[in-house]
Full PDB file with SEQRES, HELIX, SHEET, SSBOND, CRYST1, ORIGX, SCALE, CONECT and MASTER records, all heavy atoms in Angstrom:
SEQRES   1 A   41  LYS TYR LYS GLY ARG LYS LYS TRP LEU ASP PHE GLY ILE          
SEQRES   2 A   41  SER THR GLU HIS GLY ARG VAL TYR LEU ASN GLU GLY LEU          
SEQRES   3 A   41  ILE ALA GLN LYS GLU SER PHE GLY GLY ARG THR GLY VAL          
SEQRES   4 A   41  TYR GLU                                                      
HELIX    1 AA1 GLU A   24  GLU A   31  1                                   8    
SHEET    1 AA1 2 THR A  15  GLU A  16  0                                        
SHEET    2 AA1 2 TYR A  21  LEU A  22 -1                                        
CRYST1    1.000    1.000    1.000  90.00  90.00  90.00 P 1           1          
ORIGX1      1.000000  0.000000  0.000000        0.00000                         
ORIGX2      0.000000  1.000000  0.000000        0.00000                         
ORIGX3      0.000000  0.000000  1.000000        0.00000                         
SCALE1      1.000000  0.000000  0.000000        0.00000                         
SCALE2      0.000000  1.000000  0.000000        0.00000                         
SCALE3      0.000000  0.000000  1.000000        0.00000                         
ATOM      1  N   LYS A   1     -10.206  -8.546 -12.651  1.00  0.00           N  
ATOM      2  CA  LYS A   1     -11.074  -7.791 -13.546  1.00  0.00           C  
ATOM      3  C   LYS A   1     -10.365  -6.680 -14.267  1.00  0.00           C  
ATOM      4  O   LYS A   1     -10.572  -6.476 -15.480  1.00  0.00           O  
ATOM      5  CB  LYS A   1     -12.239  -7.194 -12.742  1.00  0.00           C  
ATOM      6  CG  LYS A   1     -13.189  -6.361 -13.610  1.00  0.00           C  
ATOM      7  CD  LYS A   1     -14.394  -5.864 -12.825  1.00  0.00           C  
ATOM      8  CE  LYS A   1     -15.300  -5.005 -13.678  1.00  0.00           C  
ATOM      9  NZ  LYS A   1     -16.536  -4.555 -12.966  1.00  0.00           N  
ATOM     10  N   TYR A   2      -9.430  -5.980 -13.594  1.00  0.00           N  
ATOM     11  CA  TYR A   2      -8.810  -4.821 -14.185  1.00  0.00           C  
ATOM     12  C   TYR A   2      -7.415  -5.118 -14.815  1.00  0.00           C  
ATOM     13  O   TYR A   2      -6.773  -4.228 -15.331  1.00  0.00           O  
ATOM     14  CB  TYR A   2      -8.679  -3.715 -13.175  1.00  0.00           C  
ATOM     15  CG  TYR A   2     -10.021  -3.033 -12.886  1.00  0.00           C  
ATOM     16  CD1 TYR A   2     -10.824  -3.471 -11.860  1.00  0.00           C  
ATOM     17  CD2 TYR A   2     -10.477  -1.984 -13.716  1.00  0.00           C  
ATOM     18  CE1 TYR A   2     -12.036  -2.841 -11.599  1.00  0.00           C  
ATOM     19  CE2 TYR A   2     -11.662  -1.369 -13.458  1.00  0.00           C  
ATOM     20  CZ  TYR A   2     -12.484  -1.823 -12.403  1.00  0.00           C  
ATOM     21  OH  TYR A   2     -13.684  -1.206 -12.188  1.00  0.00           O  
ATOM     22  N   LYS A   3      -7.011  -6.380 -14.699  1.00  0.00           N  
ATOM     23  CA  LYS A   3      -5.713  -6.738 -15.308  1.00  0.00           C  
ATOM     24  C   LYS A   3      -5.809  -6.535 -16.804  1.00  0.00           C  
ATOM     25  O   LYS A   3      -6.770  -6.947 -17.465  1.00  0.00           O  
ATOM     26  CB  LYS A   3      -5.423  -8.222 -15.003  1.00  0.00           C  
ATOM     27  CG  LYS A   3      -4.111  -8.717 -15.580  1.00  0.00           C  
ATOM     28  CD  LYS A   3      -3.882 -10.185 -15.248  1.00  0.00           C  
ATOM     29  CE  LYS A   3      -2.564 -10.694 -15.812  1.00  0.00           C  
ATOM     30  NZ  LYS A   3      -2.330 -12.097 -15.476  1.00  0.00           N  
ATOM     31  N   GLY A   4      -4.835  -5.836 -17.383  1.00  0.00           N  
ATOM     32  CA  GLY A   4      -4.876  -5.516 -18.788  1.00  0.00           C  
ATOM     33  C   GLY A   4      -5.581  -4.228 -19.087  1.00  0.00           C  
ATOM     34  O   GLY A   4      -5.443  -3.690 -20.186  1.00  0.00           O  
ATOM     35  N   ARG A   5      -6.416  -3.725 -18.164  1.00  0.00           N  
ATOM     36  CA  ARG A   5      -7.158  -2.492 -18.395  1.00  0.00           C  
ATOM     37  C   ARG A   5      -6.542  -1.275 -17.624  1.00  0.00           C  
ATOM     38  O   ARG A   5      -6.614  -0.161 -18.071  1.00  0.00           O  
ATOM     39  CB  ARG A   5      -8.622  -2.680 -17.907  1.00  0.00           C  
ATOM     40  CG  ARG A   5      -9.373  -3.707 -18.702  1.00  0.00           C  
ATOM     41  CD  ARG A   5     -10.660  -4.111 -18.062  1.00  0.00           C  
ATOM     42  NE  ARG A   5     -11.553  -2.951 -17.778  1.00  0.00           N  
ATOM     43  CZ  ARG A   5     -12.614  -3.034 -17.084  1.00  0.00           C  
ATOM     44  NH1 ARG A   5     -13.058  -4.188 -16.583  1.00  0.00           N  
ATOM     45  NH2 ARG A   5     -13.362  -1.972 -16.858  1.00  0.00           N  
ATOM     46  N   LYS A   6      -5.918  -1.620 -16.466  1.00  0.00           N  
ATOM     47  CA  LYS A   6      -5.264  -0.606 -15.646  1.00  0.00           C  
ATOM     48  C   LYS A   6      -3.849  -1.061 -15.361  1.00  0.00           C  
ATOM     49  O   LYS A   6      -3.537  -2.234 -15.403  1.00  0.00           O  
ATOM     50  CB  LYS A   6      -6.009  -0.365 -14.312  1.00  0.00           C  
ATOM     51  CG  LYS A   6      -7.461   0.112 -14.505  1.00  0.00           C  
ATOM     52  CD  LYS A   6      -7.551   1.492 -15.098  1.00  0.00           C  
ATOM     53  CE  LYS A   6      -8.993   1.916 -15.255  1.00  0.00           C  
ATOM     54  NZ  LYS A   6      -9.116   3.239 -15.935  1.00  0.00           N  
ATOM     55  N   LYS A   7      -3.002  -0.111 -15.028  1.00  0.00           N  
ATOM     56  CA  LYS A   7      -1.599  -0.411 -14.756  1.00  0.00           C  
ATOM     57  C   LYS A   7      -1.336  -0.718 -13.276  1.00  0.00           C  
ATOM     58  O   LYS A   7      -0.680  -1.642 -12.903  1.00  0.00           O  
ATOM     59  CB  LYS A   7      -0.731   0.774 -15.221  1.00  0.00           C  
ATOM     60  CG  LYS A   7       0.756   0.666 -14.849  1.00  0.00           C  
ATOM     61  CD  LYS A   7       1.492  -0.431 -15.538  1.00  0.00           C  
ATOM     62  CE  LYS A   7       2.987  -0.399 -15.235  1.00  0.00           C  
ATOM     63  NZ  LYS A   7       3.691  -1.593 -15.745  1.00  0.00           N  
ATOM     64  N   TRP A   8      -1.979   0.082 -12.387  1.00  0.00           N  
ATOM     65  CA  TRP A   8      -1.620   0.062 -10.974  1.00  0.00           C  
ATOM     66  C   TRP A   8      -2.857  -0.086 -10.074  1.00  0.00           C  
ATOM     67  O   TRP A   8      -3.898   0.396 -10.393  1.00  0.00           O  
ATOM     68  CB  TRP A   8      -0.889   1.342 -10.545  1.00  0.00           C  
ATOM     69  CG  TRP A   8       0.348   1.676 -11.253  1.00  0.00           C  
ATOM     70  CD1 TRP A   8       0.543   2.548 -12.283  1.00  0.00           C  
ATOM     71  CD2 TRP A   8       1.633   1.065 -11.026  1.00  0.00           C  
ATOM     72  NE1 TRP A   8       1.818   2.566 -12.715  1.00  0.00           N  
ATOM     73  CE2 TRP A   8       2.518   1.655 -11.977  1.00  0.00           C  
ATOM     74  CE3 TRP A   8       2.138   0.104 -10.177  1.00  0.00           C  
ATOM     75  CZ2 TRP A   8       3.907   1.345 -12.000  1.00  0.00           C  
ATOM     76  CZ3 TRP A   8       3.464  -0.227 -10.208  1.00  0.00           C  
ATOM     77  CH2 TRP A   8       4.354   0.365 -11.117  1.00  0.00           C  
ATOM     78  N   LEU A   9      -2.652  -0.795  -8.982  1.00  0.00           N  
ATOM     79  CA  LEU A   9      -3.599  -0.769  -7.835  1.00  0.00           C  
ATOM     80  C   LEU A   9      -2.883  -0.117  -6.689  1.00  0.00           C  
ATOM     81  O   LEU A   9      -1.807  -0.565  -6.272  1.00  0.00           O  
ATOM     82  CB  LEU A   9      -4.017  -2.180  -7.448  1.00  0.00           C  
ATOM     83  CG  LEU A   9      -4.867  -2.302  -6.180  1.00  0.00           C  
ATOM     84  CD1 LEU A   9      -6.174  -1.566  -6.309  1.00  0.00           C  
ATOM     85  CD2 LEU A   9      -5.100  -3.781  -5.865  1.00  0.00           C  
ATOM     86  N   ASP A  10      -3.444   0.953  -6.148  1.00  0.00           N  
ATOM     87  CA  ASP A  10      -2.850   1.725  -5.044  1.00  0.00           C  
ATOM     88  C   ASP A  10      -3.689   1.452  -3.806  1.00  0.00           C  
ATOM     89  O   ASP A  10      -4.857   1.856  -3.709  1.00  0.00           O  
ATOM     90  CB  ASP A  10      -2.825   3.201  -5.385  1.00  0.00           C  
ATOM     91  CG  ASP A  10      -2.261   4.028  -4.213  1.00  0.00           C  
ATOM     92  OD1 ASP A  10      -1.816   3.490  -3.215  1.00  0.00           O  
ATOM     93  OD2 ASP A  10      -2.308   5.266  -4.360  1.00  0.00           O  
ATOM     94  N   PHE A  11      -3.127   0.783  -2.804  1.00  0.00           N  
ATOM     95  CA  PHE A  11      -3.822   0.448  -1.580  1.00  0.00           C  
ATOM     96  C   PHE A  11      -3.965   1.617  -0.586  1.00  0.00           C  
ATOM     97  O   PHE A  11      -4.703   1.523   0.374  1.00  0.00           O  
ATOM     98  CB  PHE A  11      -3.147  -0.723  -0.854  1.00  0.00           C  
ATOM     99  CG  PHE A  11      -3.589  -2.080  -1.321  1.00  0.00           C  
ATOM    100  CD1 PHE A  11      -2.699  -2.946  -1.892  1.00  0.00           C  
ATOM    101  CD2 PHE A  11      -4.920  -2.502  -1.140  1.00  0.00           C  
ATOM    102  CE1 PHE A  11      -3.072  -4.190  -2.292  1.00  0.00           C  
ATOM    103  CE2 PHE A  11      -5.303  -3.765  -1.547  1.00  0.00           C  
ATOM    104  CZ  PHE A  11      -4.397  -4.616  -2.120  1.00  0.00           C  
ATOM    105  N   GLY A  12      -3.206   2.670  -0.825  1.00  0.00           N  
ATOM    106  CA  GLY A  12      -3.224   3.817   0.097  1.00  0.00           C  
ATOM    107  C   GLY A  12      -2.234   3.603   1.227  1.00  0.00           C  
ATOM    108  O   GLY A  12      -1.601   2.574   1.388  1.00  0.00           O  
ATOM    109  N   ILE A  13      -2.077   4.670   2.028  1.00  0.00           N  
ATOM    110  CA  ILE A  13      -1.023   4.733   3.019  1.00  0.00           C  
ATOM    111  C   ILE A  13      -1.291   3.828   4.200  1.00  0.00           C  
ATOM    112  O   ILE A  13      -2.387   3.548   4.585  1.00  0.00           O  
ATOM    113  CB  ILE A  13      -0.752   6.195   3.482  1.00  0.00           C  
ATOM    114  CG1 ILE A  13      -1.952   6.722   4.239  1.00  0.00           C  
ATOM    115  CG2 ILE A  13      -0.416   7.062   2.270  1.00  0.00           C  
ATOM    116  CD1 ILE A  13      -1.684   8.119   4.844  1.00  0.00           C  
ATOM    117  N   SER A  14      -0.155   3.394   4.806  1.00  0.00           N  
ATOM    118  CA  SER A  14      -0.181   2.541   6.028  1.00  0.00           C  
ATOM    119  C   SER A  14       0.537   3.223   7.184  1.00  0.00           C  
ATOM    120  O   SER A  14       0.967   2.539   8.100  1.00  0.00           O  
ATOM    121  CB  SER A  14       0.407   1.159   5.733  1.00  0.00           C  
ATOM    122  OG  SER A  14      -0.284   0.504   4.698  1.00  0.00           O  
ATOM    123  N   THR A  15       0.674   4.512   7.137  1.00  0.00           N  
ATOM    124  CA  THR A  15       1.304   5.289   8.210  1.00  0.00           C  
ATOM    125  C   THR A  15       0.263   6.005   9.024  1.00  0.00           C  
ATOM    126  O   THR A  15      -0.774   6.437   8.450  1.00  0.00           O  
ATOM    127  CB  THR A  15       2.326   6.299   7.617  1.00  0.00           C  
ATOM    128  OG1 THR A  15       1.758   6.841   6.385  1.00  0.00           O  
ATOM    129  CG2 THR A  15       3.646   5.608   7.238  1.00  0.00           C  
ATOM    130  N   GLU A  16       0.508   6.121  10.302  1.00  0.00           N  
ATOM    131  CA  GLU A  16      -0.498   6.649  11.235  1.00  0.00           C  
ATOM    132  C   GLU A  16       0.172   7.568  12.259  1.00  0.00           C  
ATOM    133  O   GLU A  16       1.377   7.739  12.276  1.00  0.00           O  
ATOM    134  CB  GLU A  16      -1.173   5.496  12.007  1.00  0.00           C  
ATOM    135  CG  GLU A  16      -1.863   4.472  11.099  1.00  0.00           C  
ATOM    136  CD  GLU A  16      -2.383   3.297  11.841  1.00  0.00           C  
ATOM    137  OE1 GLU A  16      -2.201   3.225  13.108  1.00  0.00           O  
ATOM    138  OE2 GLU A  16      -3.016   2.419  11.233  1.00  0.00           O  
ATOM    139  N   HIS A  17      -0.662   8.152  13.122  1.00  0.00           N  
ATOM    140  CA  HIS A  17      -0.228   8.967  14.266  1.00  0.00           C  
ATOM    141  C   HIS A  17       0.726  10.092  13.801  1.00  0.00           C  
ATOM    142  O   HIS A  17       1.899  10.159  14.166  1.00  0.00           O  
ATOM    143  CB  HIS A  17       0.461   8.130  15.328  1.00  0.00           C  
ATOM    144  CG  HIS A  17      -0.355   6.961  15.807  1.00  0.00           C  
ATOM    145  ND1 HIS A  17      -1.698   7.114  16.177  1.00  0.00           N  
ATOM    146  CD2 HIS A  17      -0.079   5.664  15.973  1.00  0.00           C  
ATOM    147  CE1 HIS A  17      -2.178   5.946  16.549  1.00  0.00           C  
ATOM    148  NE2 HIS A  17      -1.220   5.074  16.450  1.00  0.00           N  
ATOM    149  N   GLY A  18       0.190  10.937  12.959  1.00  0.00           N  
ATOM    150  CA  GLY A  18       1.042  12.016  12.432  1.00  0.00           C  
ATOM    151  C   GLY A  18       2.016  11.529  11.424  1.00  0.00           C  
ATOM    152  O   GLY A  18       3.032  12.179  11.101  1.00  0.00           O  
ATOM    153  N   ARG A  19       1.783  10.325  10.882  1.00  0.00           N  
ATOM    154  CA  ARG A  19       2.577   9.736   9.846  1.00  0.00           C  
ATOM    155  C   ARG A  19       4.017   9.427  10.285  1.00  0.00           C  
ATOM    156  O   ARG A  19       4.934   9.333   9.469  1.00  0.00           O  
ATOM    157  CB  ARG A  19       2.601  10.654   8.606  1.00  0.00           C  
ATOM    158  CG  ARG A  19       1.254  10.657   7.929  1.00  0.00           C  
ATOM    159  CD  ARG A  19       0.952  11.976   7.298  1.00  0.00           C  
ATOM    160  NE  ARG A  19      -0.205  11.859   6.393  1.00  0.00           N  
ATOM    161  CZ  ARG A  19      -0.698  12.832   5.709  1.00  0.00           C  
ATOM    162  NH1 ARG A  19      -0.187  14.020   5.780  1.00  0.00           N  
ATOM    163  NH2 ARG A  19      -1.742  12.654   4.938  1.00  0.00           N  
ATOM    164  N   VAL A  20       4.214   9.190  11.543  1.00  0.00           N  
ATOM    165  CA  VAL A  20       5.526   8.756  12.031  1.00  0.00           C  
ATOM    166  C   VAL A  20       5.535   7.313  12.437  1.00  0.00           C  
ATOM    167  O   VAL A  20       6.571   6.739  12.771  1.00  0.00           O  
ATOM    168  CB  VAL A  20       5.974   9.618  13.258  1.00  0.00           C  
ATOM    169  CG1 VAL A  20       6.147  11.072  12.827  1.00  0.00           C  
ATOM    170  CG2 VAL A  20       4.987   9.525  14.389  1.00  0.00           C  
ATOM    171  N   TYR A  21       4.399   6.669  12.412  1.00  0.00           N  
ATOM    172  CA  TYR A  21       4.230   5.260  12.821  1.00  0.00           C  
ATOM    173  C   TYR A  21       3.807   4.427  11.649  1.00  0.00           C  
ATOM    174  O   TYR A  21       2.794   4.722  11.004  1.00  0.00           O  
ATOM    175  CB  TYR A  21       3.218   5.121  13.968  1.00  0.00           C  
ATOM    176  CG  TYR A  21       2.781   3.726  14.271  1.00  0.00           C  
ATOM    177  CD1 TYR A  21       3.639   2.848  14.913  1.00  0.00           C  
ATOM    178  CD2 TYR A  21       1.546   3.234  13.849  1.00  0.00           C  
ATOM    179  CE1 TYR A  21       3.248   1.520  15.199  1.00  0.00           C  
ATOM    180  CE2 TYR A  21       1.157   1.950  14.144  1.00  0.00           C  
ATOM    181  CZ  TYR A  21       2.014   1.090  14.795  1.00  0.00           C  
ATOM    182  OH  TYR A  21       1.637  -0.185  15.057  1.00  0.00           O  
ATOM    183  N   LEU A  22       4.545   3.356  11.340  1.00  0.00           N  
ATOM    184  CA  LEU A  22       4.206   2.447  10.286  1.00  0.00           C  
ATOM    185  C   LEU A  22       3.369   1.320  10.892  1.00  0.00           C  
ATOM    186  O   LEU A  22       3.877   0.565  11.718  1.00  0.00           O  
ATOM    187  CB  LEU A  22       5.458   1.918   9.594  1.00  0.00           C  
ATOM    188  CG  LEU A  22       5.194   0.833   8.538  1.00  0.00           C  
ATOM    189  CD1 LEU A  22       4.480   1.465   7.298  1.00  0.00           C  
ATOM    190  CD2 LEU A  22       6.529   0.222   8.060  1.00  0.00           C  
ATOM    191  N   ASN A  23       2.146   1.142  10.386  1.00  0.00           N  
ATOM    192  CA  ASN A  23       1.329   0.017  10.789  1.00  0.00           C  
ATOM    193  C   ASN A  23       1.806  -1.210  10.079  1.00  0.00           C  
ATOM    194  O   ASN A  23       1.424  -1.460   8.931  1.00  0.00           O  
ATOM    195  CB  ASN A  23      -0.127   0.302  10.488  1.00  0.00           C  
ATOM    196  CG  ASN A  23      -1.109  -0.751  11.060  1.00  0.00           C  
ATOM    197  OD1 ASN A  23      -0.745  -1.947  11.117  1.00  0.00           O  
ATOM    198  ND2 ASN A  23      -2.277  -0.312  11.457  1.00  0.00           N  
ATOM    199  N   GLU A  24       2.715  -1.970  10.672  1.00  0.00           N  
ATOM    200  CA  GLU A  24       3.385  -3.056  10.028  1.00  0.00           C  
ATOM    201  C   GLU A  24       2.428  -4.182   9.659  1.00  0.00           C  
ATOM    202  O   GLU A  24       2.602  -4.812   8.589  1.00  0.00           O  
ATOM    203  CB  GLU A  24       4.517  -3.592  10.912  1.00  0.00           C  
ATOM    204  CG  GLU A  24       5.659  -2.576  11.139  1.00  0.00           C  
ATOM    205  CD  GLU A  24       6.766  -3.155  11.986  1.00  0.00           C  
ATOM    206  OE1 GLU A  24       6.643  -4.324  12.435  1.00  0.00           O  
ATOM    207  OE2 GLU A  24       7.764  -2.419  12.182  1.00  0.00           O  
ATOM    208  N   GLY A  25       1.414  -4.433  10.487  1.00  0.00           N  
ATOM    209  CA  GLY A  25       0.461  -5.455  10.140  1.00  0.00           C  
ATOM    210  C   GLY A  25      -0.373  -5.094   8.922  1.00  0.00           C  
ATOM    211  O   GLY A  25      -0.608  -5.971   8.065  1.00  0.00           O  
ATOM    212  N   LEU A  26      -0.768  -3.807   8.810  1.00  0.00           N  
ATOM    213  CA  LEU A  26      -1.556  -3.358   7.720  1.00  0.00           C  
ATOM    214  C   LEU A  26      -0.801  -3.428   6.424  1.00  0.00           C  
ATOM    215  O   LEU A  26      -1.277  -3.937   5.412  1.00  0.00           O  
ATOM    216  CB  LEU A  26      -2.063  -1.948   7.969  1.00  0.00           C  
ATOM    217  CG  LEU A  26      -2.916  -1.284   6.870  1.00  0.00           C  
ATOM    218  CD1 LEU A  26      -4.162  -2.095   6.605  1.00  0.00           C  
ATOM    219  CD2 LEU A  26      -3.250   0.166   7.253  1.00  0.00           C  
ATOM    220  N   ILE A  27       0.453  -2.936   6.438  1.00  0.00           N  
ATOM    221  CA  ILE A  27       1.212  -2.894   5.201  1.00  0.00           C  
ATOM    222  C   ILE A  27       1.646  -4.311   4.762  1.00  0.00           C  
ATOM    223  O   ILE A  27       1.733  -4.627   3.580  1.00  0.00           O  
ATOM    224  CB  ILE A  27       2.452  -1.964   5.308  1.00  0.00           C  
ATOM    225  CG1 ILE A  27       2.923  -1.568   3.885  1.00  0.00           C  
ATOM    226  CG2 ILE A  27       3.586  -2.582   6.103  1.00  0.00           C  
ATOM    227  CD1 ILE A  27       3.931  -0.442   3.864  1.00  0.00           C  
ATOM    228  N   ALA A  28       1.869  -5.190   5.752  1.00  0.00           N  
ATOM    229  CA  ALA A  28       2.213  -6.567   5.427  1.00  0.00           C  
ATOM    230  C   ALA A  28       1.004  -7.292   4.736  1.00  0.00           C  
ATOM    231  O   ALA A  28       1.200  -8.077   3.811  1.00  0.00           O  
ATOM    232  CB  ALA A  28       2.576  -7.362   6.684  1.00  0.00           C  
ATOM    233  N   GLN A  29      -0.210  -6.955   5.179  1.00  0.00           N  
ATOM    234  CA  GLN A  29      -1.386  -7.496   4.558  1.00  0.00           C  
ATOM    235  C   GLN A  29      -1.443  -7.067   3.057  1.00  0.00           C  
ATOM    236  O   GLN A  29      -1.773  -7.862   2.201  1.00  0.00           O  
ATOM    237  CB  GLN A  29      -2.650  -7.084   5.288  1.00  0.00           C  
ATOM    238  CG  GLN A  29      -3.941  -7.610   4.686  1.00  0.00           C  
ATOM    239  CD  GLN A  29      -5.167  -7.047   5.345  1.00  0.00           C  
ATOM    240  OE1 GLN A  29      -5.122  -5.975   5.962  1.00  0.00           O  
ATOM    241  NE2 GLN A  29      -6.296  -7.726   5.257  1.00  0.00           N  
ATOM    242  N   LYS A  30      -1.228  -5.785   2.826  1.00  0.00           N  
ATOM    243  CA  LYS A  30      -1.269  -5.287   1.465  1.00  0.00           C  
ATOM    244  C   LYS A  30      -0.132  -5.887   0.608  1.00  0.00           C  
ATOM    245  O   LYS A  30      -0.343  -6.250  -0.540  1.00  0.00           O  
ATOM    246  CB  LYS A  30      -1.161  -3.744   1.473  1.00  0.00           C  
ATOM    247  CG  LYS A  30      -2.313  -3.056   2.186  1.00  0.00           C  
ATOM    248  CD  LYS A  30      -2.069  -1.603   2.365  1.00  0.00           C  
ATOM    249  CE  LYS A  30      -3.164  -0.880   3.095  1.00  0.00           C  
ATOM    250  NZ  LYS A  30      -2.918   0.549   3.297  1.00  0.00           N  
ATOM    251  N   GLU A  31       1.037  -5.996   1.191  1.00  0.00           N  
ATOM    252  CA  GLU A  31       2.198  -6.566   0.464  1.00  0.00           C  
ATOM    253  C   GLU A  31       1.940  -8.033   0.090  1.00  0.00           C  
ATOM    254  O   GLU A  31       2.440  -8.494  -0.972  1.00  0.00           O  
ATOM    255  CB  GLU A  31       3.442  -6.459   1.319  1.00  0.00           C  
ATOM    256  CG  GLU A  31       3.964  -5.040   1.470  1.00  0.00           C  
ATOM    257  CD  GLU A  31       5.075  -4.921   2.536  1.00  0.00           C  
ATOM    258  OE1 GLU A  31       5.160  -5.828   3.385  1.00  0.00           O  
ATOM    259  OE2 GLU A  31       5.807  -3.949   2.479  1.00  0.00           O  
ATOM    260  N   SER A  32       1.140  -8.707   0.897  1.00  0.00           N  
ATOM    261  CA  SER A  32       0.916 -10.116   0.635  1.00  0.00           C  
ATOM    262  C   SER A  32       0.113 -10.405  -0.633  1.00  0.00           C  
ATOM    263  O   SER A  32       0.065 -11.518  -1.123  1.00  0.00           O  
ATOM    264  CB  SER A  32       0.187 -10.767   1.838  1.00  0.00           C  
ATOM    265  OG  SER A  32      -1.104 -10.268   1.974  1.00  0.00           O  
ATOM    266  N   PHE A  33      -0.509  -9.344  -1.174  1.00  0.00           N  
ATOM    267  CA  PHE A  33      -1.221  -9.463  -2.443  1.00  0.00           C  
ATOM    268  C   PHE A  33      -0.245  -9.334  -3.629  1.00  0.00           C  
ATOM    269  O   PHE A  33      -0.700  -9.486  -4.785  1.00  0.00           O  
ATOM    270  CB  PHE A  33      -2.303  -8.427  -2.583  1.00  0.00           C  
ATOM    271  CG  PHE A  33      -3.536  -8.716  -1.779  1.00  0.00           C  
ATOM    272  CD1 PHE A  33      -3.725  -8.161  -0.514  1.00  0.00           C  
ATOM    273  CD2 PHE A  33      -4.540  -9.562  -2.282  1.00  0.00           C  
ATOM    274  CE1 PHE A  33      -4.852  -8.480   0.224  1.00  0.00           C  
ATOM    275  CE2 PHE A  33      -5.670  -9.855  -1.541  1.00  0.00           C  
ATOM    276  CZ  PHE A  33      -5.814  -9.315  -0.280  1.00  0.00           C  
ATOM    277  N   GLY A  34       1.012  -9.028  -3.386  1.00  0.00           N  
ATOM    278  CA  GLY A  34       1.966  -8.890  -4.431  1.00  0.00           C  
ATOM    279  C   GLY A  34       2.394  -7.434  -4.638  1.00  0.00           C  
ATOM    280  O   GLY A  34       2.764  -7.044  -5.731  1.00  0.00           O  
ATOM    281  N   GLY A  35       2.296  -6.647  -3.597  1.00  0.00           N  
ATOM    282  CA  GLY A  35       2.555  -5.204  -3.697  1.00  0.00           C  
ATOM    283  C   GLY A  35       3.926  -4.801  -3.143  1.00  0.00           C  
ATOM    284  O   GLY A  35       4.564  -5.532  -2.367  1.00  0.00           O  
ATOM    285  N   ARG A  36       4.370  -3.633  -3.567  1.00  0.00           N  
ATOM    286  CA  ARG A  36       5.601  -3.055  -3.063  1.00  0.00           C  
ATOM    287  C   ARG A  36       5.319  -1.594  -2.669  1.00  0.00           C  
ATOM    288  O   ARG A  36       4.302  -0.992  -3.077  1.00  0.00           O  
ATOM    289  CB  ARG A  36       6.714  -3.086  -4.128  1.00  0.00           C  
ATOM    290  CG  ARG A  36       7.154  -4.464  -4.525  1.00  0.00           C  
ATOM    291  CD  ARG A  36       7.993  -5.124  -3.450  1.00  0.00           C  
ATOM    292  NE  ARG A  36       9.257  -4.438  -3.232  1.00  0.00           N  
ATOM    293  CZ  ARG A  36      10.370  -4.690  -3.942  1.00  0.00           C  
ATOM    294  NH1 ARG A  36      10.370  -5.578  -4.888  1.00  0.00           N  
ATOM    295  NH2 ARG A  36      11.458  -4.020  -3.679  1.00  0.00           N  
ATOM    296  N   THR A  37       6.230  -1.017  -1.893  1.00  0.00           N  
ATOM    297  CA  THR A  37       6.010   0.322  -1.331  1.00  0.00           C  
ATOM    298  C   THR A  37       6.209   1.404  -2.403  1.00  0.00           C  
ATOM    299  O   THR A  37       7.197   1.404  -3.159  1.00  0.00           O  
ATOM    300  CB  THR A  37       6.953   0.582  -0.182  1.00  0.00           C  
ATOM    301  OG1 THR A  37       6.595  -0.267   0.876  1.00  0.00           O  
ATOM    302  CG2 THR A  37       6.850   2.029   0.324  1.00  0.00           C  
ATOM    303  N   GLY A  38       5.277   2.352  -2.448  1.00  0.00           N  
ATOM    304  CA  GLY A  38       5.423   3.601  -3.132  1.00  0.00           C  
ATOM    305  C   GLY A  38       5.153   4.719  -2.114  1.00  0.00           C  
ATOM    306  O   GLY A  38       4.534   4.493  -1.107  1.00  0.00           O  
ATOM    307  N   VAL A  39       5.664   5.909  -2.357  1.00  0.00           N  
ATOM    308  CA  VAL A  39       5.589   6.943  -1.333  1.00  0.00           C  
ATOM    309  C   VAL A  39       4.785   8.160  -1.772  1.00  0.00           C  
ATOM    310  O   VAL A  39       4.727   8.480  -2.968  1.00  0.00           O  
ATOM    311  CB  VAL A  39       6.990   7.371  -0.896  1.00  0.00           C  
ATOM    312  CG1 VAL A  39       7.768   6.232  -0.268  1.00  0.00           C  
ATOM    313  CG2 VAL A  39       7.760   8.061  -2.014  1.00  0.00           C  
ATOM    314  N   TYR A  40       4.168   8.778  -0.792  1.00  0.00           N  
ATOM    315  CA  TYR A  40       3.502  10.084  -0.950  1.00  0.00           C  
ATOM    316  C   TYR A  40       4.398  11.089  -0.217  1.00  0.00           C  
ATOM    317  O   TYR A  40       4.625  10.898   0.983  1.00  0.00           O  
ATOM    318  CB  TYR A  40       2.128  10.065  -0.338  1.00  0.00           C  
ATOM    319  CG  TYR A  40       1.076   9.292  -1.032  1.00  0.00           C  
ATOM    320  CD1 TYR A  40       1.347   8.207  -1.867  1.00  0.00           C  
ATOM    321  CD2 TYR A  40      -0.265   9.615  -0.855  1.00  0.00           C  
ATOM    322  CE1 TYR A  40       0.362   7.474  -2.487  1.00  0.00           C  
ATOM    323  CE2 TYR A  40      -1.314   8.895  -1.500  1.00  0.00           C  
ATOM    324  CZ  TYR A  40      -0.971   7.844  -2.298  1.00  0.00           C  
ATOM    325  OH  TYR A  40      -1.948   7.114  -2.931  1.00  0.00           O  
ATOM    326  N   GLU A  41       4.809  12.125  -0.864  1.00  0.00           N  
ATOM    327  CA  GLU A  41       5.726  13.137  -0.262  1.00  0.00           C  
ATOM    328  C   GLU A  41       5.009  14.445   0.072  1.00  0.00           C  
ATOM    329  O   GLU A  41       4.177  14.918  -0.733  1.00  0.00           O  
ATOM    330  CB  GLU A  41       6.873  13.432  -1.216  1.00  0.00           C  
ATOM    331  CG  GLU A  41       7.771  12.253  -1.504  1.00  0.00           C  
ATOM    332  CD  GLU A  41       8.853  12.609  -2.524  1.00  0.00           C  
ATOM    333  OE1 GLU A  41       8.793  13.710  -3.099  1.00  0.00           O  
ATOM    334  OE2 GLU A  41       9.789  11.759  -2.719  1.00  0.00           O  
TER     335      GLU A  41                                                      
MASTER        0    0    0    1    2    0    0    6  334    1    0    4          
END                                                                             
């Protein structure tokens, strides 16, 4: 629906437990839609 209308889809963070643990299953699910990692600093 938003292709051509918006540039980016941001799935949000996949880090947990004080942001030191990467939920690998969660981020893999998001990546499977055609996504790559971006960071929040």
